[in-house]
Amino acid sequence: MMYPVNFFTETELSHSHDDVTFRDFINAYLGADALNALGTDIFVLKIDSEKLSEVNTDFGEAGFLISWIETRRRTNN
């Protein structure tokens, strides 16, 4: 899940899916200035709360979210 404020390590940003790193995906999707360094290995990514649903869907479809349920596949119990 993505949240309004997200923290990532260099290791997490180096994770790749389909030969694209998470960092490169974020840069392509949100712009090169989206990630801000908080130290040598910690980065913060802020997302407008109005865009969270869209961002979660797009990041999930790209294979970069662990906790993600595709909306159209969700079922009510």
PDB file of N, CA and C in Angstrom:
ATOM      1  N   MET A   1       0.833  -1.184   0.000  1.00  0.00           N
ATOM      2  CA  MET A   1       0.000   0.000   0.000  1.00  0.00           C
ATOM      3  C   MET A   1       0.873   1.240   0.000  1.00  0.00           C
ATOM      4  N   MET A   2       0.476   2.218  -0.747  1.00  0.00           N
ATOM      5  CA  MET A   2       1.117   3.527  -0.696  1.00  0.00           C
ATOM      6  C   MET A   2       0.265   4.414   0.198  1.00  0.00           C
ATOM      7  N   TYR A   3       0.919   5.319   0.893  1.00  0.00           N
ATOM      8  CA  TYR A   3       0.269   6.222   1.836  1.00  0.00           C
ATOM      9  C   TYR A   3       0.632   7.659   1.477  1.00  0.00           C
ATOM     10  N   PRO A   4       0.006   8.647   2.118  1.00  0.00           N
ATOM     11  CA  PRO A   4       0.379  10.034   1.804  1.00  0.00           C
ATOM     12  C   PRO A   4       1.864  10.312   2.028  1.00  0.00           C
ATOM     13  N   VAL A   5       2.479   9.664   3.027  1.00  0.00           N
ATOM     14  CA  VAL A   5       3.915   9.788   3.270  1.00  0.00           C
ATOM     15  C   VAL A   5       4.492   8.376   3.345  1.00  0.00           C
ATOM     16  N   ASN A   6       5.495   8.104   2.514  1.00  0.00           N
ATOM     17  CA  ASN A   6       6.104   6.776   2.405  1.00  0.00           C
ATOM     18  C   ASN A   6       7.611   6.894   2.589  1.00  0.00           C
ATOM     19  N   PHE A   7       8.204   5.952   3.319  1.00  0.00           N
ATOM     20  CA  PHE A   7       9.648   5.929   3.541  1.00  0.00           C
ATOM     21  C   PHE A   7      10.220   4.666   2.918  1.00  0.00           C
ATOM     22  N   PHE A   8      11.331   4.814   2.194  1.00  0.00           N
ATOM     23  CA  PHE A   8      11.968   3.687   1.524  1.00  0.00           C
ATOM     24  C   PHE A   8      13.470   3.721   1.773  1.00  0.00           C
ATOM     25  N   THR A   9      14.056   2.541   1.804  1.00  0.00           N
ATOM     26  CA  THR A   9      15.515   2.433   1.872  1.00  0.00           C
ATOM     27  C   THR A   9      16.055   2.278   0.453  1.00  0.00           C
ATOM     28  N   GLU A  10      17.344   2.445   0.318  1.00  0.00           N
ATOM     29  CA  GLU A  10      17.983   2.237  -0.982  1.00  0.00           C
ATOM     30  C   GLU A  10      17.749   0.806  -1.465  1.00  0.00           C
ATOM     31  N   THR A  11      17.757  -0.150  -0.556  1.00  0.00           N
ATOM     32  CA  THR A  11      17.510  -1.551  -0.915  1.00  0.00           C
ATOM     33  C   THR A  11      16.115  -1.719  -1.523  1.00  0.00           C
ATOM     34  N   GLU A  12      15.111  -1.105  -0.913  1.00  0.00           N
ATOM     35  CA  GLU A  12      13.747  -1.202  -1.447  1.00  0.00           C
ATOM     36  C   GLU A  12      13.640  -0.533  -2.816  1.00  0.00           C
ATOM     37  N   LEU A  13      14.278   0.611  -2.964  1.00  0.00           N
ATOM     38  CA  LEU A  13      14.218   1.327  -4.240  1.00  0.00           C
ATOM     39  C   LEU A  13      14.972   0.602  -5.339  1.00  0.00           C
ATOM     40  N   SER A  14      15.896  -0.274  -4.972  1.00  0.00           N
ATOM     41  CA  SER A  14      16.664  -1.041  -5.950  1.00  0.00           C
ATOM     42  C   SER A  14      15.940  -2.305  -6.402  1.00  0.00           C
ATOM     43  N   HIS A  15      14.858  -2.658  -5.717  1.00  0.00           N
ATOM     44  CA  HIS A  15      14.074  -3.832  -6.115  1.00  0.00           C
ATOM     45  C   HIS A  15      13.595  -3.641  -7.549  1.00  0.00           C
ATOM     46  N   SER A  16      13.640  -4.707  -8.338  1.00  0.00           N
ATOM     47  CA  SER A  16      13.202  -4.574  -9.725  1.00  0.00           C
ATOM     48  C   SER A  16      12.115  -5.580 -10.060  1.00  0.00           C
ATOM     49  N   HIS A  17      11.303  -5.201 -10.991  1.00  0.00           N
ATOM     50  CA  HIS A  17      10.239  -6.048 -11.539  1.00  0.00           C
ATOM     51  C   HIS A  17      10.235  -5.818 -13.039  1.00  0.00           C
ATOM     52  N   ASP A  18      10.296  -6.900 -13.793  1.00  0.00           N
ATOM     53  CA  ASP A  18      10.369  -6.802 -15.259  1.00  0.00           C
ATOM     54  C   ASP A  18      11.498  -5.873 -15.708  1.00  0.00           C
ATOM     55  N   ASP A  19      12.654  -5.988 -15.046  1.00  0.00           N
ATOM     56  CA  ASP A  19      13.866  -5.228 -15.370  1.00  0.00           C
ATOM     57  C   ASP A  19      13.735  -3.719 -15.160  1.00  0.00           C
ATOM     58  N   VAL A  20      12.783  -3.296 -14.333  1.00  0.00           N
ATOM     59  CA  VAL A  20      12.632  -1.883 -13.972  1.00  0.00           C
ATOM     60  C   VAL A  20      12.760  -1.792 -12.458  1.00  0.00           C
ATOM     61  N   THR A  21      13.648  -0.916 -11.972  1.00  0.00           N
ATOM     62  CA  THR A  21      13.768  -0.760 -10.523  1.00  0.00           C
ATOM     63  C   THR A  21      12.603   0.078 -10.010  1.00  0.00           C
ATOM     64  N   PHE A  22      12.321  -0.100  -8.732  1.00  0.00           N
ATOM     65  CA  PHE A  22      11.254   0.677  -8.095  1.00  0.00           C
ATOM     66  C   PHE A  22      11.575   2.167  -8.198  1.00  0.00           C
ATOM     67  N   ARG A  23      12.838   2.535  -7.998  1.00  0.00           N
ATOM     68  CA  ARG A  23      13.255   3.937  -8.127  1.00  0.00           C
ATOM     69  C   ARG A  23      12.946   4.471  -9.528  1.00  0.00           C
ATOM     70  N   ASP A  24      13.318   3.725 -10.555  1.00  0.00           N
ATOM     71  CA  ASP A  24      13.075   4.168 -11.927  1.00  0.00           C
ATOM     72  C   ASP A  24      11.575   4.273 -12.219  1.00  0.00           C
ATOM     73  N   PHE A  25      10.797   3.342 -11.673  1.00  0.00           N
ATOM     74  CA  PHE A  25       9.354   3.405 -11.868  1.00  0.00           C
ATOM     75  C   PHE A  25       8.781   4.670 -11.227  1.00  0.00           C
ATOM     76  N   ILE A  26       9.195   4.946  -9.990  1.00  0.00           N
ATOM     77  CA  ILE A  26       8.732   6.155  -9.300  1.00  0.00           C
ATOM     78  C   ILE A  26       9.123   7.399 -10.092  1.00  0.00           C
ATOM     79  N   ASN A  27      10.369   7.459 -10.553  1.00  0.00           N
ATOM     80  CA  ASN A  27      10.830   8.622 -11.317  1.00  0.00           C
ATOM     81  C   ASN A  27      10.035   8.806 -12.604  1.00  0.00           C
ATOM     82  N   ALA A  28       9.744   7.718 -13.296  1.00  0.00           N
ATOM     83  CA  ALA A  28       8.977   7.809 -14.541  1.00  0.00           C
ATOM     84  C   ALA A  28       7.522   8.175 -14.268  1.00  0.00           C
ATOM     85  N   TYR A  29       6.976   7.658 -13.187  1.00  0.00           N
ATOM     86  CA  TYR A  29       5.554   7.851 -12.888  1.00  0.00           C
ATOM     87  C   TYR A  29       5.287   9.202 -12.223  1.00  0.00           C
ATOM     88  N   LEU A  30       6.135   9.592 -11.270  1.00  0.00           N
ATOM     89  CA  LEU A  30       5.879  10.796 -10.476  1.00  0.00           C
ATOM     90  C   LEU A  30       6.885  11.927 -10.721  1.00  0.00           C
ATOM     91  N   GLY A  31       7.943  11.656 -11.458  1.00  0.00           N
ATOM     92  CA  GLY A  31       8.950  12.669 -11.720  1.00  0.00           C
ATOM     93  C   GLY A  31      10.198  12.445 -10.894  1.00  0.00           C
ATOM     94  N   ALA A  32      11.317  12.931 -11.419  1.00  0.00           N
ATOM     95  CA  ALA A  32      12.615  12.703 -10.792  1.00  0.00           C
ATOM     96  C   ALA A  32      12.752  13.378  -9.440  1.00  0.00           C
ATOM     97  N   ASP A  33      11.924  14.359  -9.155  1.00  0.00           N
ATOM     98  CA  ASP A  33      12.030  15.063  -7.880  1.00  0.00           C
ATOM     99  C   ASP A  33      11.055  14.542  -6.821  1.00  0.00           C
ATOM    100  N   ALA A  34      10.391  13.430  -7.100  1.00  0.00           N
ATOM    101  CA  ALA A  34       9.388  12.885  -6.170  1.00  0.00           C
ATOM    102  C   ALA A  34      10.024  12.293  -4.909  1.00  0.00           C
ATOM    103  N   LEU A  35      11.178  11.663  -5.047  1.00  0.00           N
ATOM    104  CA  LEU A  35      11.882  11.074  -3.900  1.00  0.00           C
ATOM    105  C   LEU A  35      12.819  12.101  -3.291  1.00  0.00           C
ATOM    106  N   ASN A  36      12.746  12.247  -1.980  1.00  0.00           N
ATOM    107  CA  ASN A  36      13.625  13.177  -1.278  1.00  0.00           C
ATOM    108  C   ASN A  36      14.449  12.420  -0.245  1.00  0.00           C
ATOM    109  N   ALA A  37      15.764  12.611  -0.286  1.00  0.00           N
ATOM    110  CA  ALA A  37      16.668  11.930   0.649  1.00  0.00           C
ATOM    111  C   ALA A  37      16.519  12.512   2.047  1.00  0.00           C
ATOM    112  N   LEU A  38      16.447  11.611   3.027  1.00  0.00           N
ATOM    113  CA  LEU A  38      16.427  12.007   4.430  1.00  0.00           C
ATOM    114  C   LEU A  38      17.738  11.667   5.108  1.00  0.00           C
ATOM    115  N   GLY A  39      18.593  11.003   4.388  1.00  0.00           N
ATOM    116  CA  GLY A  39      19.898  10.568   4.881  1.00  0.00           C
ATOM    117  C   GLY A  39      20.589   9.862   3.744  1.00  0.00           C
ATOM    118  N   THR A  40      21.547   9.013   4.068  1.00  0.00           N
ATOM    119  CA  THR A  40      22.273   8.323   3.008  1.00  0.00           C
ATOM    120  C   THR A  40      21.512   7.127   2.449  1.00  0.00           C
ATOM    121  N   ASP A  41      20.551   6.598   3.222  1.00  0.00           N
ATOM    122  CA  ASP A  41      19.865   5.388   2.774  1.00  0.00           C
ATOM    123  C   ASP A  41      18.349   5.445   2.995  1.00  0.00           C
ATOM    124  N   ILE A  42      17.807   6.567   3.393  1.00  0.00           N
ATOM    125  CA  ILE A  42      16.367   6.685   3.636  1.00  0.00           C
ATOM    126  C   ILE A  42      15.804   7.786   2.745  1.00  0.00           C
ATOM    127  N   PHE A  43      14.693   7.486   2.097  1.00  0.00           N
ATOM    128  CA  PHE A  43      14.059   8.435   1.192  1.00  0.00           C
ATOM    129  C   PHE A  43      12.582   8.546   1.539  1.00  0.00           C
ATOM    130  N   VAL A  44      12.013   9.722   1.318  1.00  0.00           N
ATOM    131  CA  VAL A  44      10.585   9.944   1.569  1.00  0.00           C
ATOM    132  C   VAL A  44       9.914  10.264   0.234  1.00  0.00           C
ATOM    133  N   LEU A  45       8.717   9.719   0.091  1.00  0.00           N
ATOM    134  CA  LEU A  45       7.890   9.955  -1.089  1.00  0.00           C
ATOM    135  C   LEU A  45       6.516  10.381  -0.595  1.00  0.00           C
ATOM    136  N   LYS A  46       6.102  11.585  -0.968  1.00  0.00           N
ATOM    137  CA  LYS A  46       4.794  12.075  -0.564  1.00  0.00           C
ATOM    138  C   LYS A  46       3.850  12.013  -1.754  1.00  0.00           C
ATOM    139  N   ILE A  47       2.607  11.604  -1.466  1.00  0.00           N
ATOM    140  CA  ILE A  47       1.604  11.464  -2.507  1.00  0.00           C
ATOM    141  C   ILE A  47       0.352  12.213  -2.071  1.00  0.00           C
ATOM    142  N   ASP A  48      -0.188  12.990  -2.971  1.00  0.00           N
ATOM    143  CA  ASP A  48      -1.428  13.709  -2.708  1.00  0.00           C
ATOM    144  C   ASP A  48      -2.520  12.703  -2.370  1.00  0.00           C
ATOM    145  N   SER A  49      -3.200  12.905  -1.259  1.00  0.00           N
ATOM    146  CA  SER A  49      -4.213  11.944  -0.801  1.00  0.00           C
ATOM    147  C   SER A  49      -5.327  11.744  -1.829  1.00  0.00           C
ATOM    148  N   GLU A  50      -5.586  12.736  -2.663  1.00  0.00           N
ATOM    149  CA  GLU A  50      -6.614  12.598  -3.701  1.00  0.00           C
ATOM    150  C   GLU A  50      -6.189  11.641  -4.801  1.00  0.00           C
ATOM    151  N   LYS A  51      -4.890  11.381  -4.924  1.00  0.00           N
ATOM    152  CA  LYS A  51      -4.370  10.499  -5.966  1.00  0.00           C
ATOM    153  C   LYS A  51      -4.016   9.107  -5.451  1.00  0.00           C
ATOM    154  N   LEU A  52      -4.218   8.855  -4.144  1.00  0.00           N
ATOM    155  CA  LEU A  52      -3.780   7.582  -3.553  1.00  0.00           C
ATOM    156  C   LEU A  52      -4.387   6.366  -4.232  1.00  0.00           C
ATOM    157  N   SER A  53      -5.667   6.397  -4.499  1.00  0.00           N
ATOM    158  CA  SER A  53      -6.320   5.243  -5.122  1.00  0.00           C
ATOM    159  C   SER A  53      -5.713   4.956  -6.494  1.00  0.00           C
ATOM    160  N   GLU A  54      -5.537   5.989  -7.291  1.00  0.00           N
ATOM    161  CA  GLU A  54      -4.942   5.838  -8.620  1.00  0.00           C
ATOM    162  C   GLU A  54      -3.506   5.338  -8.533  1.00  0.00           C
ATOM    163  N   VAL A  55      -2.728   5.924  -7.628  1.00  0.00           N
ATOM    164  CA  VAL A  55      -1.332   5.524  -7.458  1.00  0.00           C
ATOM    165  C   VAL A  55      -1.246   4.069  -7.002  1.00  0.00           C
ATOM    166  N   ASN A  56      -2.067   3.676  -6.044  1.00  0.00           N
ATOM    167  CA  ASN A  56      -2.060   2.288  -5.579  1.00  0.00           C
ATOM    168  C   ASN A  56      -2.416   1.329  -6.700  1.00  0.00           C
ATOM    169  N   THR A  57      -3.394   1.673  -7.503  1.00  0.00           N
ATOM    170  CA  THR A  57      -3.770   0.812  -8.629  1.00  0.00           C
ATOM    171  C   THR A  57      -2.617   0.698  -9.619  1.00  0.00           C
ATOM    172  N   ASP A  58      -2.041   1.821 -10.013  1.00  0.00           N
ATOM    173  CA  ASP A  58      -0.965   1.807 -11.005  1.00  0.00           C
ATOM    174  C   ASP A  58       0.292   1.116 -10.493  1.00  0.00           C
ATOM    175  N   PHE A  59       0.666   1.372  -9.239  1.00  0.00           N
ATOM    176  CA  PHE A  59       1.849   0.716  -8.671  1.00  0.00           C
ATOM    177  C   PHE A  59       1.597  -0.788  -8.528  1.00  0.00           C
ATOM    178  N   GLY A  60       0.389  -1.186  -8.142  1.00  0.00           N
ATOM    179  CA  GLY A  60       0.054  -2.599  -8.019  1.00  0.00           C
ATOM    180  C   GLY A  60       0.100  -3.313  -9.349  1.00  0.00           C
ATOM    181  N   GLU A  61      -0.490  -2.704 -10.362  1.00  0.00           N
ATOM    182  CA  GLU A  61      -0.478  -3.314 -11.698  1.00  0.00           C
ATOM    183  C   GLU A  61       0.933  -3.442 -12.239  1.00  0.00           C
ATOM    184  N   ALA A  62       1.826  -2.540 -11.831  1.00  0.00           N
ATOM    185  CA  ALA A  62       3.224  -2.596 -12.273  1.00  0.00           C
ATOM    186  C   ALA A  62       4.034  -3.622 -11.484  1.00  0.00           C
ATOM    187  N   GLY A  63       3.442  -4.189 -10.413  1.00  0.00           N
ATOM    188  CA  GLY A  63       4.125  -5.217  -9.635  1.00  0.00           C
ATOM    189  C   GLY A  63       4.962  -4.683  -8.490  1.00  0.00           C
ATOM    190  N   PHE A  64       4.697  -3.458  -8.033  1.00  0.00           N
ATOM    191  CA  PHE A  64       5.519  -2.863  -6.990  1.00  0.00           C
ATOM    192  C   PHE A  64       4.833  -2.731  -5.639  1.00  0.00           C
ATOM    193  N   LEU A  65       3.657  -3.279  -5.458  1.00  0.00           N
ATOM    194  CA  LEU A  65       3.013  -3.226  -4.146  1.00  0.00           C
ATOM    195  C   LEU A  65       2.819  -4.629  -3.608  1.00  0.00           C
ATOM    196  N   ILE A  66       3.082  -4.786  -2.330  1.00  0.00           N
ATOM    197  CA  ILE A  66       2.891  -6.081  -1.678  1.00  0.00           C
ATOM    198  C   ILE A  66       1.439  -6.229  -1.257  1.00  0.00           C
ATOM    199  N   SER A  67       0.901  -5.224  -0.582  1.00  0.00           N
ATOM    200  CA  SER A  67      -0.482  -5.262  -0.095  1.00  0.00           C
ATOM    201  C   SER A  67      -1.361  -4.500  -1.061  1.00  0.00           C
ATOM    202  N   TRP A  68      -1.901  -5.205  -2.024  1.00  0.00           N
ATOM    203  CA  TRP A  68      -2.704  -4.546  -3.046  1.00  0.00           C
ATOM    204  C   TRP A  68      -3.747  -5.526  -3.560  1.00  0.00           C
ATOM    205  N   ILE A  69      -4.966  -5.074  -3.664  1.00  0.00           N
ATOM    206  CA  ILE A  69      -6.044  -5.892  -4.234  1.00  0.00           C
ATOM    207  C   ILE A  69      -6.608  -5.121  -5.410  1.00  0.00           C
ATOM    208  N   GLU A  70      -6.593  -5.726  -6.553  1.00  0.00           N
ATOM    209  CA  GLU A  70      -7.123  -5.069  -7.743  1.00  0.00           C
ATOM    210  C   GLU A  70      -8.620  -4.835  -7.529  1.00  0.00           C
ATOM    211  N   THR A  71      -9.047  -3.603  -7.678  1.00  0.00           N
ATOM    212  CA  THR A  71     -10.427  -3.221  -7.382  1.00  0.00           C
ATOM    213  C   THR A  71     -11.433  -4.078  -8.127  1.00  0.00           C
ATOM    214  N   ARG A  72     -11.220  -4.312  -9.381  1.00  0.00           N
ATOM    215  CA  ARG A  72     -12.211  -5.053 -10.166  1.00  0.00           C
ATOM    216  C   ARG A  72     -12.263  -6.540  -9.797  1.00  0.00           C
ATOM    217  N   ARG A  73     -11.297  -7.028  -9.043  1.00  0.00           N
ATOM    218  CA  ARG A  73     -11.300  -8.430  -8.620  1.00  0.00           C
ATOM    219  C   ARG A  73     -11.751  -8.605  -7.179  1.00  0.00           C
ATOM    220  N   ARG A  74     -12.000  -7.520  -6.477  1.00  0.00           N
ATOM    221  CA  ARG A  74     -12.429  -7.570  -5.092  1.00  0.00           C
ATOM    222  C   ARG A  74     -13.825  -8.172  -5.000  1.00  0.00           C
ATOM    223  N   THR A  75     -14.046  -8.980  -3.984  1.00  0.00           N
ATOM    224  CA  THR A  75     -15.378  -9.553  -3.755  1.00  0.00           C
ATOM    225  C   THR A  75     -15.824  -9.212  -2.358  1.00  0.00           C
ATOM    226  N   ASN A  76     -17.112  -9.069  -2.181  1.00  0.00           N
ATOM    227  CA  ASN A  76     -17.679  -8.827  -0.864  1.00  0.00           C
ATOM    228  C   ASN A  76     -18.110 -10.144  -0.261  1.00  0.00           C
ATOM    229  N   ASN A  77     -17.794 -10.346   1.011  1.00  0.00           N
ATOM    230  CA  ASN A  77     -18.173 -11.588   1.695  1.00  0.00           C
ATOM    231  C   ASN A  77     -19.445 -11.392   2.468  1.00  0.00           C
TER     232      ASN A  77
END
